[in-house]
Amino acid sequence: MARVLLHTCCGICAGHCVSLLQAGGNEVAIFYSNANIAPASEFVRRLDAVGTLSRHFGVPVIVDEPDHGEWLEKVARGFEDEPERGRRCPRCFEYSLRRAAVARRERGFDFFTTTLTVSPHKPSKVIFEIGKSIDAEHFLEIDFKKKGGFADSNSIARELGLYRQNYCGCEFSLRQRYRNTPPPSNTSLS
């Protein structure tokens, strides 16, 4: 049995991934690392959903305390005007996967991987290249969207009543989401 650290962006994406890894006989821990998420209240809402999912599957959650300022400096600076799925996004993937690789090593996990590949909106090939460039020996190249993974994740999320976000996570994706329509009154863009 391998110990796998699963970088997780949200509860919705994690369901199928945890289930598949457990079905393969792995011991799984969720690594919630999302310094990109803004505003801070969104980080908490997504973490609450991850907590619900972790209790359902009986897996621990390791929370990587976010430093959004550092993320802005290292990832977004100079790329603020990039569209969603533009050049800023692979930088963001790399930022989170590097943090997962460090956590894997420090906590004694055998491997690490990410839920990012379950989304049809994220390029698995790019994510694999980044993960392998960081630590090819310990990165599990799993395309979780295959064989109905995205649909399965959505089904698990509905079953558990998980919070469903409507933007990727950073303030730039949120602004793009609401470019042509105003955000709900309870959503802050700052």
N, C-alpha and C. Protein backbone atom coordinates (compact mmCIF):
# COMPACT_ATOMS: atom_id res chain seq x y z
N MET A 1 0.85 -1.18 0.00
CA MET A 1 0.00 0.00 0.00
C MET A 1 0.89 1.24 0.00
N ALA A 2 0.60 2.17 -0.90
CA ALA A 2 1.36 3.43 -0.98
C ALA A 2 0.62 4.52 -0.22
N ARG A 3 1.38 5.43 0.35
CA ARG A 3 0.82 6.62 0.98
C ARG A 3 0.86 7.74 -0.04
N VAL A 4 -0.34 8.28 -0.39
CA VAL A 4 -0.45 9.28 -1.45
C VAL A 4 -1.00 10.58 -0.88
N LEU A 5 -0.28 11.65 -1.15
CA LEU A 5 -0.73 12.99 -0.79
C LEU A 5 -1.43 13.58 -2.01
N LEU A 6 -2.70 13.90 -1.84
CA LEU A 6 -3.53 14.36 -2.94
C LEU A 6 -3.75 15.87 -2.83
N HIS A 7 -3.04 16.64 -3.67
CA HIS A 7 -3.29 18.08 -3.71
C HIS A 7 -4.73 18.27 -4.17
N THR A 8 -5.47 19.08 -3.42
CA THR A 8 -6.89 19.26 -3.67
C THR A 8 -7.23 20.74 -3.75
N CYS A 9 -7.94 21.09 -4.79
CA CYS A 9 -8.34 22.49 -4.96
C CYS A 9 -9.71 22.76 -4.36
N CYS A 10 -10.56 21.75 -4.27
CA CYS A 10 -11.91 21.94 -3.73
C CYS A 10 -12.54 20.57 -3.45
N GLY A 11 -13.63 20.59 -2.71
CA GLY A 11 -14.32 19.35 -2.39
C GLY A 11 -14.93 18.68 -3.59
N ILE A 12 -15.47 19.48 -4.49
CA ILE A 12 -16.13 18.91 -5.67
C ILE A 12 -15.17 18.06 -6.48
N CYS A 13 -13.98 18.55 -6.70
CA CYS A 13 -13.01 17.82 -7.52
C CYS A 13 -12.43 16.59 -6.83
N ALA A 14 -12.43 16.57 -5.51
CA ALA A 14 -11.70 15.53 -4.78
C ALA A 14 -12.42 14.19 -4.67
N GLY A 15 -13.73 14.17 -4.74
CA GLY A 15 -14.48 12.94 -4.47
C GLY A 15 -14.03 11.73 -5.28
N HIS A 16 -14.07 11.86 -6.58
CA HIS A 16 -13.68 10.75 -7.45
C HIS A 16 -12.22 10.38 -7.24
N CYS A 17 -11.38 11.38 -7.05
CA CYS A 17 -9.94 11.15 -6.92
C CYS A 17 -9.63 10.32 -5.67
N VAL A 18 -10.22 10.70 -4.54
CA VAL A 18 -10.01 9.95 -3.30
C VAL A 18 -10.53 8.54 -3.47
N SER A 19 -11.73 8.41 -4.02
CA SER A 19 -12.34 7.10 -4.21
C SER A 19 -11.47 6.19 -5.08
N LEU A 20 -10.97 6.72 -6.19
CA LEU A 20 -10.14 5.93 -7.10
C LEU A 20 -8.83 5.52 -6.44
N LEU A 21 -8.20 6.44 -5.73
CA LEU A 21 -6.94 6.11 -5.05
C LEU A 21 -7.16 5.07 -3.96
N GLN A 22 -8.24 5.20 -3.20
CA GLN A 22 -8.53 4.20 -2.16
C GLN A 22 -8.85 2.85 -2.78
N ALA A 23 -9.57 2.84 -3.88
CA ALA A 23 -9.89 1.58 -4.55
C ALA A 23 -8.63 0.87 -5.03
N GLY A 24 -7.58 1.63 -5.28
CA GLY A 24 -6.29 1.06 -5.69
C GLY A 24 -5.45 0.59 -4.51
N GLY A 25 -6.02 0.65 -3.30
CA GLY A 25 -5.32 0.17 -2.11
C GLY A 25 -4.38 1.18 -1.48
N ASN A 26 -4.52 2.45 -1.84
CA ASN A 26 -3.63 3.48 -1.31
C ASN A 26 -4.18 4.11 -0.03
N GLU A 27 -3.28 4.55 0.80
CA GLU A 27 -3.63 5.37 1.96
C GLU A 27 -3.54 6.81 1.49
N VAL A 28 -4.63 7.56 1.61
CA VAL A 28 -4.72 8.89 1.03
C VAL A 28 -4.86 9.95 2.11
N ALA A 29 -4.19 11.07 1.90
CA ALA A 29 -4.42 12.27 2.70
C ALA A 29 -4.63 13.42 1.72
N ILE A 30 -5.56 14.28 2.05
CA ILE A 30 -5.85 15.45 1.22
C ILE A 30 -4.93 16.59 1.64
N PHE A 31 -4.31 17.21 0.66
CA PHE A 31 -3.47 18.38 0.90
C PHE A 31 -4.17 19.58 0.28
N TYR A 32 -4.82 20.36 1.14
CA TYR A 32 -5.57 21.53 0.69
C TYR A 32 -4.61 22.71 0.64
N SER A 33 -4.11 22.99 -0.56
CA SER A 33 -3.13 24.05 -0.76
C SER A 33 -3.62 24.96 -1.87
N ASN A 34 -4.09 26.14 -1.50
CA ASN A 34 -4.72 27.03 -2.47
C ASN A 34 -4.48 28.49 -2.14
N ALA A 35 -3.23 28.91 -2.18
CA ALA A 35 -2.90 30.31 -1.88
C ALA A 35 -3.48 31.25 -2.92
N ASN A 36 -3.91 30.72 -4.04
CA ASN A 36 -4.51 31.53 -5.10
C ASN A 36 -5.92 32.02 -4.78
N ILE A 37 -6.61 31.36 -3.89
CA ILE A 37 -8.03 31.64 -3.70
C ILE A 37 -8.26 32.99 -3.04
N ALA A 38 -9.17 33.74 -3.65
CA ALA A 38 -9.58 35.04 -3.12
C ALA A 38 -11.09 35.18 -3.35
N PRO A 39 -11.78 35.81 -2.44
CA PRO A 39 -11.32 36.35 -1.16
C PRO A 39 -11.09 35.24 -0.13
N ALA A 40 -10.61 35.62 1.05
CA ALA A 40 -10.30 34.64 2.10
C ALA A 40 -11.53 33.84 2.50
N SER A 41 -12.70 34.44 2.46
CA SER A 41 -13.93 33.72 2.81
C SER A 41 -14.18 32.56 1.85
N GLU A 42 -13.75 32.70 0.60
CA GLU A 42 -13.90 31.62 -0.38
C GLU A 42 -12.99 30.45 -0.01
N PHE A 43 -11.78 30.75 0.45
CA PHE A 43 -10.85 29.71 0.89
C PHE A 43 -11.51 28.87 1.98
N VAL A 44 -12.16 29.53 2.93
CA VAL A 44 -12.82 28.84 4.04
C VAL A 44 -14.00 28.02 3.56
N ARG A 45 -14.81 28.56 2.67
CA ARG A 45 -15.97 27.81 2.15
C ARG A 45 -15.52 26.53 1.45
N ARG A 46 -14.47 26.63 0.67
CA ARG A 46 -13.97 25.44 -0.02
C ARG A 46 -13.33 24.45 0.96
N LEU A 47 -12.67 24.97 1.96
CA LEU A 47 -12.08 24.10 2.99
C LEU A 47 -13.18 23.36 3.75
N ASP A 48 -14.27 24.02 4.05
CA ASP A 48 -15.40 23.35 4.72
C ASP A 48 -15.91 22.18 3.88
N ALA A 49 -16.01 22.37 2.58
CA ALA A 49 -16.46 21.29 1.68
C ALA A 49 -15.45 20.15 1.67
N VAL A 50 -14.17 20.48 1.68
CA VAL A 50 -13.13 19.45 1.73
C VAL A 50 -13.23 18.67 3.04
N GLY A 51 -13.53 19.37 4.13
CA GLY A 51 -13.72 18.70 5.42
C GLY A 51 -14.86 17.70 5.39
N THR A 52 -15.98 18.09 4.80
CA THR A 52 -17.12 17.18 4.67
C THR A 52 -16.72 15.95 3.87
N LEU A 53 -16.03 16.16 2.77
CA LEU A 53 -15.59 15.05 1.93
C LEU A 53 -14.61 14.14 2.68
N SER A 54 -13.69 14.73 3.43
CA SER A 54 -12.69 13.92 4.15
C SER A 54 -13.35 13.04 5.19
N ARG A 55 -14.35 13.57 5.86
CA ARG A 55 -15.08 12.75 6.85
C ARG A 55 -15.82 11.61 6.17
N HIS A 56 -16.40 11.89 5.01
CA HIS A 56 -17.12 10.86 4.26
C HIS A 56 -16.20 9.70 3.88
N PHE A 57 -15.00 10.01 3.43
CA PHE A 57 -14.06 8.98 2.99
C PHE A 57 -13.11 8.51 4.09
N GLY A 58 -13.14 9.16 5.24
CA GLY A 58 -12.26 8.77 6.34
C GLY A 58 -10.79 9.04 6.06
N VAL A 59 -10.52 10.18 5.44
CA VAL A 59 -9.13 10.55 5.14
C VAL A 59 -8.79 11.88 5.82
N PRO A 60 -7.55 12.04 6.25
CA PRO A 60 -7.16 13.30 6.89
C PRO A 60 -6.97 14.42 5.87
N VAL A 61 -7.10 15.65 6.38
CA VAL A 61 -6.85 16.84 5.57
C VAL A 61 -5.66 17.57 6.18
N ILE A 62 -4.70 17.90 5.35
CA ILE A 62 -3.57 18.73 5.74
C ILE A 62 -3.79 20.08 5.08
N VAL A 63 -3.89 21.12 5.88
CA VAL A 63 -4.14 22.46 5.34
C VAL A 63 -2.82 23.21 5.23
N ASP A 64 -2.51 23.62 4.03
CA ASP A 64 -1.35 24.45 3.76
C ASP A 64 -1.80 25.90 3.94
N GLU A 65 -1.36 26.53 5.01
CA GLU A 65 -1.80 27.90 5.29
C GLU A 65 -1.47 28.80 4.11
N PRO A 66 -2.47 29.49 3.59
CA PRO A 66 -2.25 30.29 2.38
C PRO A 66 -1.51 31.59 2.65
N ASP A 67 -0.67 31.95 1.72
CA ASP A 67 -0.03 33.27 1.72
C ASP A 67 -0.36 33.88 0.37
N HIS A 68 -1.51 34.53 0.31
CA HIS A 68 -1.98 35.06 -0.96
C HIS A 68 -1.04 36.14 -1.50
N GLY A 69 -0.44 36.91 -0.61
CA GLY A 69 0.52 37.93 -1.05
C GLY A 69 1.70 37.31 -1.77
N GLU A 70 2.22 36.22 -1.22
CA GLU A 70 3.33 35.53 -1.88
C GLU A 70 2.88 34.99 -3.23
N TRP A 71 1.68 34.41 -3.27
CA TRP A 71 1.15 33.88 -4.53
C TRP A 71 1.04 34.99 -5.58
N LEU A 72 0.52 36.15 -5.17
CA LEU A 72 0.41 37.28 -6.10
C LEU A 72 1.78 37.66 -6.65
N GLU A 73 2.78 37.68 -5.77
CA GLU A 73 4.13 38.09 -6.17
C GLU A 73 4.78 37.04 -7.09
N LYS A 74 4.71 35.77 -6.70
CA LYS A 74 5.43 34.72 -7.43
C LYS A 74 4.69 34.19 -8.66
N VAL A 75 3.37 34.29 -8.66
CA VAL A 75 2.59 33.70 -9.74
C VAL A 75 1.93 34.75 -10.63
N ALA A 76 1.23 35.69 -10.02
CA ALA A 76 0.37 36.58 -10.80
C ALA A 76 1.05 37.84 -11.31
N ARG A 77 2.09 38.29 -10.63
CA ARG A 77 2.72 39.56 -11.03
C ARG A 77 3.15 39.49 -12.49
N GLY A 78 2.64 40.46 -13.26
CA GLY A 78 2.94 40.51 -14.68
C GLY A 78 1.97 39.71 -15.53
N PHE A 79 1.12 38.92 -14.88
CA PHE A 79 0.16 38.06 -15.59
C PHE A 79 -1.28 38.37 -15.17
N GLU A 80 -1.48 39.51 -14.55
CA GLU A 80 -2.79 39.87 -14.02
C GLU A 80 -3.86 39.96 -15.11
N ASP A 81 -3.47 40.36 -16.30
CA ASP A 81 -4.44 40.55 -17.38
C ASP A 81 -4.63 39.32 -18.26
N GLU A 82 -3.95 38.25 -17.91
CA GLU A 82 -4.13 37.01 -18.67
C GLU A 82 -5.55 36.47 -18.45
N PRO A 83 -6.16 35.92 -19.49
CA PRO A 83 -7.49 35.32 -19.32
C PRO A 83 -7.40 34.00 -18.56
N GLU A 84 -8.51 33.56 -18.05
CA GLU A 84 -8.57 32.23 -17.45
C GLU A 84 -8.12 31.23 -18.51
N ARG A 85 -7.30 30.28 -18.11
CA ARG A 85 -6.66 29.28 -18.98
C ARG A 85 -5.51 29.87 -19.78
N GLY A 86 -5.08 31.06 -19.40
CA GLY A 86 -3.96 31.71 -20.07
C GLY A 86 -2.64 31.34 -19.42
N ARG A 87 -1.63 32.19 -19.60
CA ARG A 87 -0.28 31.89 -19.14
C ARG A 87 -0.13 31.92 -17.62
N ARG A 88 -1.02 32.56 -16.90
CA ARG A 88 -0.95 32.59 -15.45
C ARG A 88 -1.28 31.22 -14.84
N CYS A 89 -2.16 30.50 -15.46
CA CYS A 89 -2.65 29.24 -14.87
C CYS A 89 -1.57 28.17 -14.69
N PRO A 90 -0.74 27.88 -15.68
CA PRO A 90 0.33 26.89 -15.44
C PRO A 90 1.28 27.32 -14.33
N ARG A 91 1.49 28.62 -14.18
CA ARG A 91 2.33 29.13 -13.08
C ARG A 91 1.67 28.80 -11.73
N CYS A 92 0.36 28.93 -11.70
CA CYS A 92 -0.39 28.62 -10.49
C CYS A 92 -0.34 27.11 -10.19
N PHE A 93 -0.52 26.30 -11.22
CA PHE A 93 -0.41 24.84 -11.02
C PHE A 93 0.95 24.49 -10.43
N GLU A 94 1.99 25.09 -11.00
CA GLU A 94 3.35 24.80 -10.53
C GLU A 94 3.53 25.23 -9.08
N TYR A 95 3.02 26.36 -8.72
CA TYR A 95 3.13 26.86 -7.35
C TYR A 95 2.54 25.83 -6.36
N SER A 96 1.32 25.39 -6.64
CA SER A 96 0.66 24.44 -5.75
C SER A 96 1.34 23.07 -5.75
N LEU A 97 1.75 22.61 -6.92
CA LEU A 97 2.39 21.29 -7.00
C LEU A 97 3.76 21.30 -6.32
N ARG A 98 4.47 22.40 -6.37
CA ARG A 98 5.75 22.49 -5.63
C ARG A 98 5.50 22.38 -4.14
N ARG A 99 4.46 23.03 -3.67
CA ARG A 99 4.13 22.96 -2.24
C ARG A 99 3.73 21.53 -1.86
N ALA A 100 3.01 20.87 -2.74
CA ALA A 100 2.62 19.48 -2.48
C ALA A 100 3.85 18.56 -2.45
N ALA A 101 4.79 18.80 -3.34
CA ALA A 101 6.01 17.98 -3.38
C ALA A 101 6.81 18.14 -2.09
N VAL A 102 6.90 19.35 -1.60
CA VAL A 102 7.61 19.60 -0.33
C VAL A 102 6.87 18.91 0.82
N ALA A 103 5.57 19.05 0.86
CA ALA A 103 4.77 18.42 1.93
C ALA A 103 4.89 16.90 1.87
N ARG A 104 4.92 16.34 0.66
CA ARG A 104 5.08 14.88 0.50
C ARG A 104 6.38 14.43 1.14
N ARG A 105 7.44 15.14 0.83
CA ARG A 105 8.76 14.78 1.35
C ARG A 105 8.81 14.96 2.88
N GLU A 106 8.36 16.10 3.36
CA GLU A 106 8.43 16.40 4.79
C GLU A 106 7.57 15.47 5.63
N ARG A 107 6.48 14.99 5.07
CA ARG A 107 5.54 14.16 5.84
C ARG A 107 5.66 12.67 5.54
N GLY A 108 6.61 12.32 4.71
CA GLY A 108 6.90 10.90 4.48
C GLY A 108 5.92 10.16 3.60
N PHE A 109 5.25 10.85 2.70
CA PHE A 109 4.36 10.17 1.75
C PHE A 109 5.19 9.59 0.62
N ASP A 110 4.69 8.52 0.03
CA ASP A 110 5.39 7.87 -1.08
C ASP A 110 5.25 8.66 -2.37
N PHE A 111 4.06 9.21 -2.59
CA PHE A 111 3.75 9.89 -3.84
C PHE A 111 2.87 11.10 -3.58
N PHE A 112 2.78 11.94 -4.60
CA PHE A 112 1.80 13.02 -4.59
C PHE A 112 1.18 13.11 -5.97
N THR A 113 -0.04 13.64 -6.01
CA THR A 113 -0.75 13.87 -7.26
C THR A 113 -1.74 15.00 -7.01
N THR A 114 -2.59 15.29 -7.98
CA THR A 114 -3.49 16.43 -7.84
C THR A 114 -4.87 16.16 -8.44
N THR A 115 -5.85 16.78 -7.82
CA THR A 115 -7.23 16.69 -8.33
C THR A 115 -7.44 17.58 -9.55
N LEU A 116 -6.49 18.44 -9.85
CA LEU A 116 -6.66 19.36 -10.98
C LEU A 116 -7.02 18.64 -12.28
N THR A 117 -6.55 17.41 -12.44
CA THR A 117 -6.78 16.70 -13.70
C THR A 117 -8.20 16.14 -13.83
N VAL A 118 -9.03 16.25 -12.80
CA VAL A 118 -10.40 15.76 -12.93
C VAL A 118 -11.26 16.74 -13.71
N SER A 119 -10.84 17.99 -13.76
CA SER A 119 -11.64 19.01 -14.43
C SER A 119 -11.41 19.01 -15.94
N PRO A 120 -12.50 19.08 -16.71
CA PRO A 120 -12.34 19.19 -18.16
C PRO A 120 -11.80 20.57 -18.57
N HIS A 121 -11.72 21.49 -17.61
CA HIS A 121 -11.23 22.84 -17.88
C HIS A 121 -9.73 22.98 -17.62
N LYS A 122 -9.09 21.92 -17.14
CA LYS A 122 -7.66 21.96 -16.83
C LYS A 122 -6.92 21.00 -17.76
N PRO A 123 -5.80 21.46 -18.33
CA PRO A 123 -5.05 20.63 -19.29
C PRO A 123 -4.16 19.60 -18.59
N SER A 124 -4.59 18.37 -18.57
CA SER A 124 -3.85 17.31 -17.88
C SER A 124 -2.42 17.20 -18.37
N LYS A 125 -2.21 17.32 -19.66
CA LYS A 125 -0.86 17.19 -20.21
C LYS A 125 0.08 18.22 -19.60
N VAL A 126 -0.37 19.45 -19.48
CA VAL A 126 0.43 20.51 -18.88
C VAL A 126 0.70 20.21 -17.40
N ILE A 127 -0.32 19.76 -16.71
CA ILE A 127 -0.18 19.43 -15.29
C ILE A 127 0.82 18.29 -15.11
N PHE A 128 0.75 17.29 -15.97
CA PHE A 128 1.71 16.17 -15.89
C PHE A 128 3.14 16.65 -16.11
N GLU A 129 3.33 17.50 -17.11
CA GLU A 129 4.67 18.03 -17.39
C GLU A 129 5.22 18.79 -16.19
N ILE A 130 4.37 19.58 -15.56
CA ILE A 130 4.80 20.35 -14.38
C ILE A 130 5.13 19.41 -13.24
N GLY A 131 4.24 18.46 -12.94
CA GLY A 131 4.47 17.52 -11.83
C GLY A 131 5.74 16.73 -12.01
N LYS A 132 5.98 16.25 -13.22
CA LYS A 132 7.19 15.47 -13.49
C LYS A 132 8.43 16.34 -13.42
N SER A 133 8.33 17.61 -13.83
CA SER A 133 9.50 18.49 -13.76
C SER A 133 9.87 18.80 -12.32
N ILE A 134 8.92 18.74 -11.43
CA ILE A 134 9.17 19.01 -10.01
C ILE A 134 9.77 17.79 -9.31
N ASP A 135 9.17 16.61 -9.57
CA ASP A 135 9.64 15.39 -8.90
C ASP A 135 9.09 14.18 -9.65
N ALA A 136 9.74 13.82 -10.73
CA ALA A 136 9.25 12.74 -11.60
C ALA A 136 9.14 11.40 -10.87
N GLU A 137 10.01 11.18 -9.92
CA GLU A 137 10.02 9.89 -9.21
C GLU A 137 8.81 9.72 -8.30
N HIS A 138 8.26 10.82 -7.78
CA HIS A 138 7.20 10.72 -6.78
C HIS A 138 5.86 11.30 -7.23
N PHE A 139 5.79 11.85 -8.44
CA PHE A 139 4.53 12.41 -8.94
C PHE A 139 3.75 11.34 -9.68
N LEU A 140 2.50 11.12 -9.26
CA LEU A 140 1.63 10.15 -9.93
C LEU A 140 0.87 10.86 -11.04
N GLU A 141 1.10 10.42 -12.24
CA GLU A 141 0.47 10.99 -13.43
C GLU A 141 -0.87 10.28 -13.65
N ILE A 142 -1.92 10.84 -13.05
CA ILE A 142 -3.25 10.23 -13.16
C ILE A 142 -4.20 11.25 -13.76
N ASP A 143 -4.82 10.90 -14.87
CA ASP A 143 -5.83 11.77 -15.47
C ASP A 143 -7.17 11.35 -14.88
N PHE A 144 -7.55 12.02 -13.80
CA PHE A 144 -8.74 11.63 -13.06
C PHE A 144 -10.04 11.85 -13.83
N LYS A 145 -10.02 12.65 -14.91
CA LYS A 145 -11.26 12.88 -15.65
C LYS A 145 -11.64 11.68 -16.52
N LYS A 146 -10.69 10.78 -16.77
CA LYS A 146 -10.96 9.61 -17.61
C LYS A 146 -12.00 8.70 -16.96
N LYS A 147 -12.67 7.94 -17.79
CA LYS A 147 -13.67 6.97 -17.36
C LYS A 147 -14.74 7.60 -16.47
N GLY A 148 -15.19 8.77 -16.86
CA GLY A 148 -16.30 9.41 -16.16
C GLY A 148 -15.94 10.03 -14.83
N GLY A 149 -14.68 10.34 -14.62
CA GLY A 149 -14.24 10.88 -13.34
C GLY A 149 -14.89 12.20 -12.95
N PHE A 150 -15.04 13.10 -13.92
CA PHE A 150 -15.65 14.39 -13.63
C PHE A 150 -17.12 14.20 -13.23
N ALA A 151 -17.83 13.38 -13.97
CA ALA A 151 -19.24 13.11 -13.65
C ALA A 151 -19.36 12.45 -12.27
N ASP A 152 -18.46 11.53 -11.97
CA ASP A 152 -18.48 10.85 -10.67
C ASP A 152 -18.22 11.85 -9.54
N SER A 153 -17.26 12.75 -9.74
CA SER A 153 -16.98 13.77 -8.73
C SER A 153 -18.20 14.64 -8.49
N ASN A 154 -18.88 15.02 -9.56
CA ASN A 154 -20.08 15.84 -9.42
C ASN A 154 -21.19 15.10 -8.70
N SER A 155 -21.31 13.82 -8.97
CA SER A 155 -22.32 12.99 -8.31
C SER A 155 -22.05 12.90 -6.80
N ILE A 156 -20.80 12.66 -6.44
CA ILE A 156 -20.43 12.59 -5.02
C ILE A 156 -20.68 13.93 -4.35
N ALA A 157 -20.34 15.03 -5.02
CA ALA A 157 -20.54 16.37 -4.47
C ALA A 157 -22.03 16.63 -4.21
N ARG A 158 -22.88 16.25 -5.16
CA ARG A 158 -24.33 16.43 -4.98
C ARG A 158 -24.82 15.59 -3.80
N GLU A 159 -24.37 14.33 -3.74
CA GLU A 159 -24.78 13.43 -2.66
C GLU A 159 -24.43 14.00 -1.29
N LEU A 160 -23.26 14.64 -1.18
CA LEU A 160 -22.80 15.18 0.10
C LEU A 160 -23.23 16.63 0.32
N GLY A 161 -23.88 17.23 -0.68
CA GLY A 161 -24.32 18.61 -0.57
C GLY A 161 -23.17 19.60 -0.47
N LEU A 162 -22.09 19.35 -1.21
CA LEU A 162 -20.91 20.20 -1.13
C LEU A 162 -21.13 21.55 -1.81
N TYR A 163 -20.51 22.55 -1.25
CA TYR A 163 -20.51 23.88 -1.84
C TYR A 163 -19.91 23.82 -3.24
N ARG A 164 -20.58 24.46 -4.19
CA ARG A 164 -20.12 24.46 -5.58
C ARG A 164 -19.73 25.89 -5.97
N GLN A 165 -18.44 26.09 -6.15
CA GLN A 165 -17.96 27.40 -6.56
C GLN A 165 -18.23 27.62 -8.04
N ASN A 166 -18.19 28.90 -8.46
CA ASN A 166 -18.47 29.19 -9.87
C ASN A 166 -17.32 29.91 -10.56
N TYR A 167 -16.12 29.82 -9.98
CA TYR A 167 -14.92 30.35 -10.62
C TYR A 167 -13.74 29.56 -10.10
N CYS A 168 -12.62 29.62 -10.82
CA CYS A 168 -11.48 28.78 -10.49
C CYS A 168 -10.94 29.07 -9.09
N GLY A 169 -10.70 30.36 -8.78
CA GLY A 169 -10.22 30.62 -7.44
C GLY A 169 -9.60 31.98 -7.20
N CYS A 170 -8.78 32.46 -8.13
CA CYS A 170 -8.12 33.74 -7.89
C CYS A 170 -9.03 34.90 -8.25
N GLU A 171 -8.65 36.07 -7.77
CA GLU A 171 -9.46 37.26 -8.06
C GLU A 171 -9.52 37.58 -9.54
N PHE A 172 -8.53 37.14 -10.30
CA PHE A 172 -8.53 37.41 -11.73
C PHE A 172 -9.57 36.54 -12.44
N SER A 173 -9.69 35.29 -12.02
CA SER A 173 -10.73 34.43 -12.61
C SER A 173 -12.11 34.88 -12.15
N LEU A 174 -12.21 35.39 -10.93
CA LEU A 174 -13.49 35.90 -10.44
C LEU A 174 -13.92 37.13 -11.23
N ARG A 175 -12.98 38.03 -11.47
CA ARG A 175 -13.30 39.24 -12.25
C ARG A 175 -13.73 38.86 -13.66
N GLN A 176 -13.04 37.88 -14.25
CA GLN A 176 -13.41 37.46 -15.60
C GLN A 176 -14.80 36.86 -15.60
N ARG A 177 -15.10 36.10 -14.58
CA ARG A 177 -16.42 35.45 -14.47
C ARG A 177 -17.53 36.48 -14.48
N TYR A 178 -17.29 37.60 -13.81
CA TYR A 178 -18.33 38.62 -13.67
C TYR A 178 -18.10 39.83 -14.55
N ARG A 179 -17.29 39.68 -15.58
CA ARG A 179 -17.00 40.81 -16.48
C ARG A 179 -18.26 41.39 -17.09
N ASN A 180 -19.17 40.54 -17.52
CA ASN A 180 -20.37 41.00 -18.20
C ASN A 180 -21.62 40.96 -17.34
N THR A 181 -21.51 40.37 -16.17
CA THR A 181 -22.66 40.34 -15.25
C THR A 181 -22.15 40.68 -13.86
N PRO A 182 -22.92 41.43 -13.11
CA PRO A 182 -22.46 41.79 -11.77
C PRO A 182 -22.45 40.57 -10.86
N PRO A 183 -21.50 40.54 -9.91
CA PRO A 183 -21.46 39.43 -8.96
C PRO A 183 -22.65 39.49 -8.02
N PRO A 184 -22.99 38.36 -7.40
CA PRO A 184 -24.03 38.39 -6.38
C PRO A 184 -23.61 39.37 -5.28
N SER A 185 -24.59 39.91 -4.58
CA SER A 185 -24.31 40.94 -3.58
C SER A 185 -23.40 40.46 -2.46
N ASN A 186 -23.30 39.15 -2.24
CA ASN A 186 -22.45 38.63 -1.17
C ASN A 186 -21.05 38.24 -1.65
N THR A 187 -20.68 38.62 -2.86
CA THR A 187 -19.36 38.29 -3.41
C THR A 187 -18.53 39.55 -3.53
N SER A 188 -17.39 39.55 -2.89
CA SER A 188 -16.47 40.69 -2.97
C SER A 188 -15.37 40.39 -3.96
N LEU A 189 -15.05 41.34 -4.80
CA LEU A 189 -13.98 41.16 -5.77
C LEU A 189 -12.63 41.57 -5.23
N SER A 190 -12.57 42.06 -4.02
CA SER A 190 -11.28 42.49 -3.49
C SER A 190 -10.73 41.50 -2.50
